[in-house]
Amino acid sequence: MEISQKLYQKEDKKDEIVLSPKQKEQVISITLGIEEVDETIRNLALEDVINTLQNGHPLNRLIEKDENVEGYIAWEDFVKNEAYTGKNF
């Protein structure tokens, strides 16, 4: 019997995140503001963070307050136990 490594199952696409232009700008601002990560890496990660947030992974989240993105969690499956995280609070 084969055991799946995934702990979830995609049920439908209704929970996928589709970022508005304003949300993309805010996510970029948060990503660029993560001082613990080298600036070169932050710049290289910008497009990947946006794409990862919109990849349909059920654990992806935007943290919003008053229609402003204050943080995010963006999961990929190709790197085990790793995710992008960012916050602006």
PDB file of N, CA and C in Angstrom:
ATOM      1  N   MET A   1       0.847  -1.178   0.000  1.00  0.00           N
ATOM      2  CA  MET A   1       0.000   0.000   0.000  1.00  0.00           C
ATOM      3  C   MET A   1       0.892   1.241   0.000  1.00  0.00           C
ATOM      4  N   GLU A   2       0.596   2.198  -0.880  1.00  0.00           N
ATOM      5  CA  GLU A   2       1.357   3.433  -0.973  1.00  0.00           C
ATOM      6  C   GLU A   2       0.739   4.497  -0.073  1.00  0.00           C
ATOM      7  N   ILE A   3       1.588   5.168   0.707  1.00  0.00           N
ATOM      8  CA  ILE A   3       1.126   6.216   1.617  1.00  0.00           C
ATOM      9  C   ILE A   3       1.532   7.566   1.056  1.00  0.00           C
ATOM     10  N   SER A   4       0.582   8.467   0.962  1.00  0.00           N
ATOM     11  CA  SER A   4       0.845   9.814   0.467  1.00  0.00           C
ATOM     12  C   SER A   4       1.602  10.627   1.510  1.00  0.00           C
ATOM     13  N   GLN A   5       2.517  11.489   1.044  1.00  0.00           N
ATOM     14  CA  GLN A   5       3.261  12.366   1.936  1.00  0.00           C
ATOM     15  C   GLN A   5       2.479  13.629   2.281  1.00  0.00           C
ATOM     16  N   LYS A   6       1.404  13.920   1.563  1.00  0.00           N
ATOM     17  CA  LYS A   6       0.631  15.134   1.813  1.00  0.00           C
ATOM     18  C   LYS A   6      -0.372  14.911   2.937  1.00  0.00           C
ATOM     19  N   LEU A   7      -0.555  15.962   3.718  1.00  0.00           N
ATOM     20  CA  LEU A   7      -1.485  15.885   4.841  1.00  0.00           C
ATOM     21  C   LEU A   7      -2.835  16.511   4.523  1.00  0.00           C
ATOM     22  N   TYR A   8      -3.053  16.890   3.284  1.00  0.00           N
ATOM     23  CA  TYR A   8      -4.281  17.554   2.888  1.00  0.00           C
ATOM     24  C   TYR A   8      -4.648  17.077   1.492  1.00  0.00           C
ATOM     25  N   GLN A   9      -5.819  17.428   1.058  1.00  0.00           N
ATOM     26  CA  GLN A   9      -6.288  17.104  -0.288  1.00  0.00           C
ATOM     27  C   GLN A   9      -7.012  18.318  -0.843  1.00  0.00           C
ATOM     28  N   LYS A  10      -6.619  18.774  -2.029  1.00  0.00           N
ATOM     29  CA  LYS A  10      -7.330  19.902  -2.637  1.00  0.00           C
ATOM     30  C   LYS A  10      -8.749  19.453  -2.964  1.00  0.00           C
ATOM     31  N   GLU A  11      -9.719  20.181  -2.465  1.00  0.00           N
ATOM     32  CA  GLU A  11     -11.108  19.832  -2.718  1.00  0.00           C
ATOM     33  C   GLU A  11     -11.672  20.626  -3.884  1.00  0.00           C
ATOM     34  N   ASP A  12     -11.443  21.905  -3.902  1.00  0.00           N
ATOM     35  CA  ASP A  12     -11.886  22.746  -5.007  1.00  0.00           C
ATOM     36  C   ASP A  12     -11.050  24.016  -5.016  1.00  0.00           C
ATOM     37  N   LYS A  13     -11.300  24.877  -5.966  1.00  0.00           N
ATOM     38  CA  LYS A  13     -10.473  26.075  -6.109  1.00  0.00           C
ATOM     39  C   LYS A  13     -11.108  27.311  -5.480  1.00  0.00           C
ATOM     40  N   LYS A  14     -12.178  27.159  -4.724  1.00  0.00           N
ATOM     41  CA  LYS A  14     -12.849  28.331  -4.164  1.00  0.00           C
ATOM     42  C   LYS A  14     -12.011  29.061  -3.117  1.00  0.00           C
ATOM     43  N   ASP A  15     -11.056  28.370  -2.487  1.00  0.00           N
ATOM     44  CA  ASP A  15     -10.241  28.990  -1.449  1.00  0.00           C
ATOM     45  C   ASP A  15      -8.931  29.557  -1.976  1.00  0.00           C
ATOM     46  N   GLU A  16      -8.700  29.477  -3.288  1.00  0.00           N
ATOM     47  CA  GLU A  16      -7.463  30.015  -3.835  1.00  0.00           C
ATOM     48  C   GLU A  16      -7.401  31.521  -3.635  1.00  0.00           C
ATOM     49  N   ILE A  17      -6.200  32.007  -3.395  1.00  0.00           N
ATOM     50  CA  ILE A  17      -5.982  33.435  -3.226  1.00  0.00           C
ATOM     51  C   ILE A  17      -5.682  34.040  -4.592  1.00  0.00           C
ATOM     52  N   VAL A  18      -6.402  35.085  -4.941  1.00  0.00           N
ATOM     53  CA  VAL A  18      -6.114  35.859  -6.143  1.00  0.00           C
ATOM     54  C   VAL A  18      -5.841  37.283  -5.663  1.00  0.00           C
ATOM     55  N   LEU A  19      -4.588  37.692  -5.767  1.00  0.00           N
ATOM     56  CA  LEU A  19      -4.189  38.994  -5.242  1.00  0.00           C
ATOM     57  C   LEU A  19      -4.583  40.130  -6.180  1.00  0.00           C
ATOM     58  N   SER A  20      -5.125  41.178  -5.613  1.00  0.00           N
ATOM     59  CA  SER A  20      -5.395  42.401  -6.373  1.00  0.00           C
ATOM     60  C   SER A  20      -4.066  43.141  -6.559  1.00  0.00           C
ATOM     61  N   PRO A  21      -4.009  44.094  -7.476  1.00  0.00           N
ATOM     62  CA  PRO A  21      -2.771  44.888  -7.614  1.00  0.00           C
ATOM     63  C   PRO A  21      -2.340  45.540  -6.295  1.00  0.00           C
ATOM     64  N   LYS A  22      -3.298  46.047  -5.522  1.00  0.00           N
ATOM     65  CA  LYS A  22      -2.970  46.661  -4.224  1.00  0.00           C
ATOM     66  C   LYS A  22      -2.371  45.632  -3.269  1.00  0.00           C
ATOM     67  N   GLN A  23      -2.961  44.436  -3.226  1.00  0.00           N
ATOM     68  CA  GLN A  23      -2.440  43.390  -2.351  1.00  0.00           C
ATOM     69  C   GLN A  23      -1.031  42.964  -2.779  1.00  0.00           C
ATOM     70  N   LYS A  24      -0.802  42.878  -4.092  1.00  0.00           N
ATOM     71  CA  LYS A  24       0.531  42.524  -4.585  1.00  0.00           C
ATOM     72  C   LYS A  24       1.562  43.546  -4.131  1.00  0.00           C
ATOM     73  N   GLU A  25       1.221  44.823  -4.231  1.00  0.00           N
ATOM     74  CA  GLU A  25       2.125  45.886  -3.785  1.00  0.00           C
ATOM     75  C   GLU A  25       2.437  45.750  -2.292  1.00  0.00           C
ATOM     76  N   GLN A  26       1.410  45.425  -1.502  1.00  0.00           N
ATOM     77  CA  GLN A  26       1.605  45.297  -0.062  1.00  0.00           C
ATOM     78  C   GLN A  26       2.459  44.072   0.273  1.00  0.00           C
ATOM     79  N   VAL A  27       2.245  42.966  -0.434  1.00  0.00           N
ATOM     80  CA  VAL A  27       3.053  41.768  -0.219  1.00  0.00           C
ATOM     81  C   VAL A  27       4.508  42.057  -0.595  1.00  0.00           C
ATOM     82  N   ILE A  28       4.724  42.757  -1.700  1.00  0.00           N
ATOM     83  CA  ILE A  28       6.075  43.133  -2.116  1.00  0.00           C
ATOM     84  C   ILE A  28       6.728  44.010  -1.054  1.00  0.00           C
ATOM     85  N   SER A  29       5.992  44.977  -0.531  1.00  0.00           N
ATOM     86  CA  SER A  29       6.518  45.866   0.503  1.00  0.00           C
ATOM     87  C   SER A  29       6.913  45.081   1.748  1.00  0.00           C
ATOM     88  N   ILE A  30       6.075  44.152   2.160  1.00  0.00           N
ATOM     89  CA  ILE A  30       6.374  43.323   3.334  1.00  0.00           C
ATOM     90  C   ILE A  30       7.626  42.497   3.072  1.00  0.00           C
ATOM     91  N   THR A  31       7.691  41.862   1.902  1.00  0.00           N
ATOM     92  CA  THR A  31       8.830  41.003   1.558  1.00  0.00           C
ATOM     93  C   THR A  31      10.134  41.801   1.545  1.00  0.00           C
ATOM     94  N   LEU A  32      10.102  42.979   0.947  1.00  0.00           N
ATOM     95  CA  LEU A  32      11.302  43.814   0.892  1.00  0.00           C
ATOM     96  C   LEU A  32      11.715  44.328   2.268  1.00  0.00           C
ATOM     97  N   GLY A  33      10.769  44.360   3.200  1.00  0.00           N
ATOM     98  CA  GLY A  33      11.052  44.864   4.540  1.00  0.00           C
ATOM     99  C   GLY A  33      11.574  43.828   5.520  1.00  0.00           C
ATOM    100  N   ILE A  34      11.762  42.597   5.074  1.00  0.00           N
ATOM    101  CA  ILE A  34      12.260  41.546   5.971  1.00  0.00           C
ATOM    102  C   ILE A  34      13.778  41.671   6.058  1.00  0.00           C
ATOM    103  N   GLU A  35      14.235  42.434   7.020  1.00  0.00           N
ATOM    104  CA  GLU A  35      15.656  42.777   7.124  1.00  0.00           C
ATOM    105  C   GLU A  35      16.543  41.600   7.491  1.00  0.00           C
ATOM    106  N   GLU A  36      15.960  40.541   8.039  1.00  0.00           N
ATOM    107  CA  GLU A  36      16.758  39.379   8.427  1.00  0.00           C
ATOM    108  C   GLU A  36      17.255  38.580   7.219  1.00  0.00           C
ATOM    109  N   VAL A  37      16.669  38.852   6.050  1.00  0.00           N
ATOM    110  CA  VAL A  37      17.042  38.170   4.815  1.00  0.00           C
ATOM    111  C   VAL A  37      17.833  39.144   3.949  1.00  0.00           C
ATOM    112  N   ASP A  38      18.914  38.661   3.353  1.00  0.00           N
ATOM    113  CA  ASP A  38      19.751  39.492   2.492  1.00  0.00           C
ATOM    114  C   ASP A  38      18.913  40.152   1.399  1.00  0.00           C
ATOM    115  N   GLU A  39      19.224  41.414   1.098  1.00  0.00           N
ATOM    116  CA  GLU A  39      18.452  42.183   0.114  1.00  0.00           C
ATOM    117  C   GLU A  39      18.408  41.506  -1.255  1.00  0.00           C
ATOM    118  N   THR A  40      19.482  40.899  -1.681  1.00  0.00           N
ATOM    119  CA  THR A  40      19.514  40.206  -2.976  1.00  0.00           C
ATOM    120  C   THR A  40      18.502  39.074  -3.004  1.00  0.00           C
ATOM    121  N   ILE A  41      18.433  38.313  -1.933  1.00  0.00           N
ATOM    122  CA  ILE A  41      17.479  37.194  -1.838  1.00  0.00           C
ATOM    123  C   ILE A  41      16.051  37.719  -1.826  1.00  0.00           C
ATOM    124  N   ARG A  42      15.815  38.800  -1.083  1.00  0.00           N
ATOM    125  CA  ARG A  42      14.461  39.391  -1.039  1.00  0.00           C
ATOM    126  C   ARG A  42      14.010  39.786  -2.441  1.00  0.00           C
ATOM    127  N   ASN A  43      14.876  40.438  -3.192  1.00  0.00           N
ATOM    128  CA  ASN A  43      14.524  40.865  -4.550  1.00  0.00           C
ATOM    129  C   ASN A  43      14.265  39.674  -5.464  1.00  0.00           C
ATOM    130  N   LEU A  44      15.051  38.625  -5.324  1.00  0.00           N
ATOM    131  CA  LEU A  44      14.856  37.426  -6.137  1.00  0.00           C
ATOM    132  C   LEU A  44      13.551  36.701  -5.789  1.00  0.00           C
ATOM    133  N   ALA A  45      13.115  36.818  -4.540  1.00  0.00           N
ATOM    134  CA  ALA A  45      11.943  36.084  -4.071  1.00  0.00           C
ATOM    135  C   ALA A  45      10.610  36.765  -4.380  1.00  0.00           C
ATOM    136  N   LEU A  46      10.622  38.020  -4.790  1.00  0.00           N
ATOM    137  CA  LEU A  46       9.367  38.775  -4.944  1.00  0.00           C
ATOM    138  C   LEU A  46       8.343  38.063  -5.812  1.00  0.00           C
ATOM    139  N   GLU A  47       8.712  37.716  -7.031  1.00  0.00           N
ATOM    140  CA  GLU A  47       7.768  37.059  -7.944  1.00  0.00           C
ATOM    141  C   GLU A  47       7.361  35.691  -7.416  1.00  0.00           C
ATOM    142  N   ASP A  48       8.316  34.965  -6.810  1.00  0.00           N
ATOM    143  CA  ASP A  48       8.017  33.635  -6.285  1.00  0.00           C
ATOM    144  C   ASP A  48       7.022  33.701  -5.132  1.00  0.00           C
ATOM    145  N   VAL A  49       7.147  34.712  -4.279  1.00  0.00           N
ATOM    146  CA  VAL A  49       6.205  34.860  -3.166  1.00  0.00           C
ATOM    147  C   VAL A  49       4.792  35.096  -3.707  1.00  0.00           C
ATOM    148  N   ILE A  50       4.648  35.972  -4.684  1.00  0.00           N
ATOM    149  CA  ILE A  50       3.331  36.250  -5.289  1.00  0.00           C
ATOM    150  C   ILE A  50       2.759  34.978  -5.900  1.00  0.00           C
ATOM    151  N   ASN A  51       3.568  34.282  -6.705  1.00  0.00           N
ATOM    152  CA  ASN A  51       3.102  33.044  -7.348  1.00  0.00           C
ATOM    153  C   ASN A  51       2.748  31.977  -6.327  1.00  0.00           C
ATOM    154  N   THR A  52       3.546  31.868  -5.270  1.00  0.00           N
ATOM    155  CA  THR A  52       3.294  30.872  -4.237  1.00  0.00           C
ATOM    156  C   THR A  52       1.998  31.177  -3.496  1.00  0.00           C
ATOM    157  N   LEU A  53       1.748  32.437  -3.180  1.00  0.00           N
ATOM    158  CA  LEU A  53       0.492  32.791  -2.514  1.00  0.00           C
ATOM    159  C   LEU A  53      -0.724  32.408  -3.349  1.00  0.00           C
ATOM    160  N   GLN A  54      -0.577  32.425  -4.662  1.00  0.00           N
ATOM    161  CA  GLN A  54      -1.708  32.161  -5.558  1.00  0.00           C
ATOM    162  C   GLN A  54      -1.704  30.726  -6.102  1.00  0.00           C
ATOM    163  N   ASN A  55      -0.897  29.831  -5.529  1.00  0.00           N
ATOM    164  CA  ASN A  55      -0.779  28.484  -6.082  1.00  0.00           C
ATOM    165  C   ASN A  55      -1.893  27.524  -5.678  1.00  0.00           C
ATOM    166  N   GLY A  56      -2.805  27.967  -4.845  1.00  0.00           N
ATOM    167  CA  GLY A  56      -3.943  27.129  -4.458  1.00  0.00           C
ATOM    168  C   GLY A  56      -3.678  26.223  -3.273  1.00  0.00           C
ATOM    169  N   HIS A  57      -2.527  26.319  -2.645  1.00  0.00           N
ATOM    170  CA  HIS A  57      -2.233  25.492  -1.474  1.00  0.00           C
ATOM    171  C   HIS A  57      -3.206  25.865  -0.360  1.00  0.00           C
ATOM    172  N   PRO A  58      -3.820  24.882   0.273  1.00  0.00           N
ATOM    173  CA  PRO A  58      -4.848  25.184   1.286  1.00  0.00           C
ATOM    174  C   PRO A  58      -4.317  25.842   2.558  1.00  0.00           C
ATOM    175  N   LEU A  59      -3.010  25.845   2.768  1.00  0.00           N
ATOM    176  CA  LEU A  59      -2.460  26.493   3.967  1.00  0.00           C
ATOM    177  C   LEU A  59      -2.041  27.938   3.727  1.00  0.00           C
ATOM    178  N   ASN A  60      -2.098  28.414   2.490  1.00  0.00           N
ATOM    179  CA  ASN A  60      -1.749  29.805   2.190  1.00  0.00           C
ATOM    180  C   ASN A  60      -2.728  30.750   2.884  1.00  0.00           C
ATOM    181  N   ARG A  61      -2.202  31.829   3.421  1.00  0.00           N
ATOM    182  CA  ARG A  61      -3.043  32.806   4.119  1.00  0.00           C
ATOM    183  C   ARG A  61      -2.527  34.221   3.909  1.00  0.00           C
ATOM    184  N   LEU A  62      -3.460  35.154   3.799  1.00  0.00           N
ATOM    185  CA  LEU A  62      -3.171  36.581   3.895  1.00  0.00           C
ATOM    186  C   LEU A  62      -3.680  37.033   5.247  1.00  0.00           C
ATOM    187  N   ILE A  63      -2.897  37.811   5.940  1.00  0.00           N
ATOM    188  CA  ILE A  63      -3.320  38.383   7.217  1.00  0.00           C
ATOM    189  C   ILE A  63      -3.657  39.837   6.915  1.00  0.00           C
ATOM    190  N   GLU A  64      -4.941  40.168   7.045  1.00  0.00           N
ATOM    191  CA  GLU A  64      -5.400  41.500   6.663  1.00  0.00           C
ATOM    192  C   GLU A  64      -6.081  42.210   7.826  1.00  0.00           C
ATOM    193  N   LYS A  65      -5.934  43.520   7.816  1.00  0.00           N
ATOM    194  CA  LYS A  65      -6.627  44.377   8.772  1.00  0.00           C
ATOM    195  C   LYS A  65      -7.043  45.635   8.029  1.00  0.00           C
ATOM    196  N   ASP A  66      -8.313  45.961   8.101  1.00  0.00           N
ATOM    197  CA  ASP A  66      -8.853  47.146   7.430  1.00  0.00           C
ATOM    198  C   ASP A  66      -8.470  47.178   5.946  1.00  0.00           C
ATOM    199  N   GLU A  67      -8.611  46.029   5.284  1.00  0.00           N
ATOM    200  CA  GLU A  67      -8.350  45.876   3.845  1.00  0.00           C
ATOM    201  C   GLU A  67      -6.886  46.092   3.458  1.00  0.00           C
ATOM    202  N   ASN A  68      -5.986  45.976   4.420  1.00  0.00           N
ATOM    203  CA  ASN A  68      -4.554  46.080   4.147  1.00  0.00           C
ATOM    204  C   ASN A  68      -3.885  44.770   4.535  1.00  0.00           C
ATOM    205  N   VAL A  69      -2.985  44.285   3.688  1.00  0.00           N
ATOM    206  CA  VAL A  69      -2.239  43.071   3.989  1.00  0.00           C
ATOM    207  C   VAL A  69      -1.181  43.410   5.026  1.00  0.00           C
ATOM    208  N   GLU A  70      -1.224  42.706   6.149  1.00  0.00           N
ATOM    209  CA  GLU A  70      -0.251  42.922   7.212  1.00  0.00           C
ATOM    210  C   GLU A  70       0.719  41.757   7.337  1.00  0.00           C
ATOM    211  N   GLY A  71       0.432  40.663   6.641  1.00  0.00           N
ATOM    212  CA  GLY A  71       1.317  39.502   6.694  1.00  0.00           C
ATOM    213  C   GLY A  71       0.805  38.421   5.771  1.00  0.00           C
ATOM    214  N   TYR A  72       1.603  37.380   5.624  1.00  0.00           N
ATOM    215  CA  TYR A  72       1.208  36.263   4.771  1.00  0.00           C
ATOM    216  C   TYR A  72       1.956  34.998   5.153  1.00  0.00           C
ATOM    217  N   ILE A  73       1.367  33.865   4.786  1.00  0.00           N
ATOM    218  CA  ILE A  73       2.017  32.562   4.838  1.00  0.00           C
ATOM    219  C   ILE A  73       1.796  31.951   3.468  1.00  0.00           C
ATOM    220  N   ALA A  74       2.870  31.566   2.796  1.00  0.00           N
ATOM    221  CA  ALA A  74       2.793  31.038   1.433  1.00  0.00           C
ATOM    222  C   ALA A  74       3.525  29.697   1.369  1.00  0.00           C
ATOM    223  N   TRP A  75       2.792  28.612   1.123  1.00  0.00           N
ATOM    224  CA  TRP A  75       3.344  27.256   1.136  1.00  0.00           C
ATOM    225  C   TRP A  75       3.592  26.728  -0.270  1.00  0.00           C
ATOM    226  N   GLU A  76       4.671  25.996  -0.410  1.00  0.00           N
ATOM    227  CA  GLU A  76       4.974  25.207  -1.605  1.00  0.00           C
ATOM    228  C   GLU A  76       5.158  23.769  -1.159  1.00  0.00           C
ATOM    229  N   ASP A  77       4.899  22.825  -2.047  1.00  0.00           N
ATOM    230  CA  ASP A  77       5.073  21.417  -1.701  1.00  0.00           C
ATOM    231  C   ASP A  77       6.438  20.868  -2.076  1.00  0.00           C
ATOM    232  N   PHE A  78       7.192  21.566  -2.921  1.00  0.00           N
ATOM    233  CA  PHE A  78       8.445  20.972  -3.373  1.00  0.00           C
ATOM    234  C   PHE A  78       9.583  21.073  -2.363  1.00  0.00           C
ATOM    235  N   VAL A  79       9.425  21.877  -1.332  1.00  0.00           N
ATOM    236  CA  VAL A  79      10.420  21.938  -0.266  1.00  0.00           C
ATOM    237  C   VAL A  79       9.712  21.543   1.022  1.00  0.00           C
ATOM    238  N   LYS A  80      10.046  20.377   1.531  1.00  0.00           N
ATOM    239  CA  LYS A  80       9.350  19.845   2.703  1.00  0.00           C
ATOM    240  C   LYS A  80       9.530  20.765   3.918  1.00  0.00           C
ATOM    241  N   ASN A  81       8.428  21.024   4.587  1.00  0.00           N
ATOM    242  CA  ASN A  81       8.415  21.798   5.832  1.00  0.00           C
ATOM    243  C   ASN A  81       8.961  23.217   5.682  1.00  0.00           C
ATOM    244  N   GLU A  82       8.741  23.845   4.540  1.00  0.00           N
ATOM    245  CA  GLU A  82       9.232  25.197   4.329  1.00  0.00           C
ATOM    246  C   GLU A  82       8.133  26.068   3.734  1.00  0.00           C
ATOM    247  N   ALA A  83       8.087  27.309   4.175  1.00  0.00           N
ATOM    248  CA  ALA A  83       7.099  28.259   3.659  1.00  0.00           C
ATOM    249  C   ALA A  83       7.686  29.656   3.705  1.00  0.00           C
ATOM    250  N   TYR A  84       7.134  30.544   2.880  1.00  0.00           N
ATOM    251  CA  TYR A  84       7.456  31.960   2.994  1.00  0.00           C
ATOM    252  C   TYR A  84       6.548  32.555   4.053  1.00  0.00           C
ATOM    253  N   THR A  85       7.094  33.391   4.904  1.00  0.00           N
ATOM    254  CA  THR A  85       6.271  34.133   5.849  1.00  0.00           C
ATOM    255  C   THR A  85       6.740  35.585   5.848  1.00  0.00           C
ATOM    256  N   GLY A  86       5.819  36.471   6.068  1.00  0.00           N
ATOM    257  CA  GLY A  86       6.156  37.876   6.148  1.00  0.00           C
ATOM    258  C   GLY A  86       5.130  38.597   6.993  1.00  0.00           C
ATOM    259  N   LYS A  87       5.555  39.648   7.677  1.00  0.00           N
ATOM    260  CA  LYS A  87       4.611  40.411   8.494  1.00  0.00           C
ATOM    261  C   LYS A  87       5.006  41.884   8.472  1.00  0.00           C
ATOM    262  N   ASN A  88       4.006  42.705   8.723  1.00  0.00           N
ATOM    263  CA  ASN A  88       4.202  44.157   8.722  1.00  0.00           C
ATOM    264  C   ASN A  88       3.553  44.736   9.976  1.00  0.00           C
ATOM    265  N   PHE A  89       3.778  44.084  11.098  1.00  0.00           N
ATOM    266  CA  PHE A  89       3.186  44.568  12.356  1.00  0.00           C
ATOM    267  C   PHE A  89       4.111  44.286  13.503  1.00  0.00           C
TER     268      PHE A  89
END
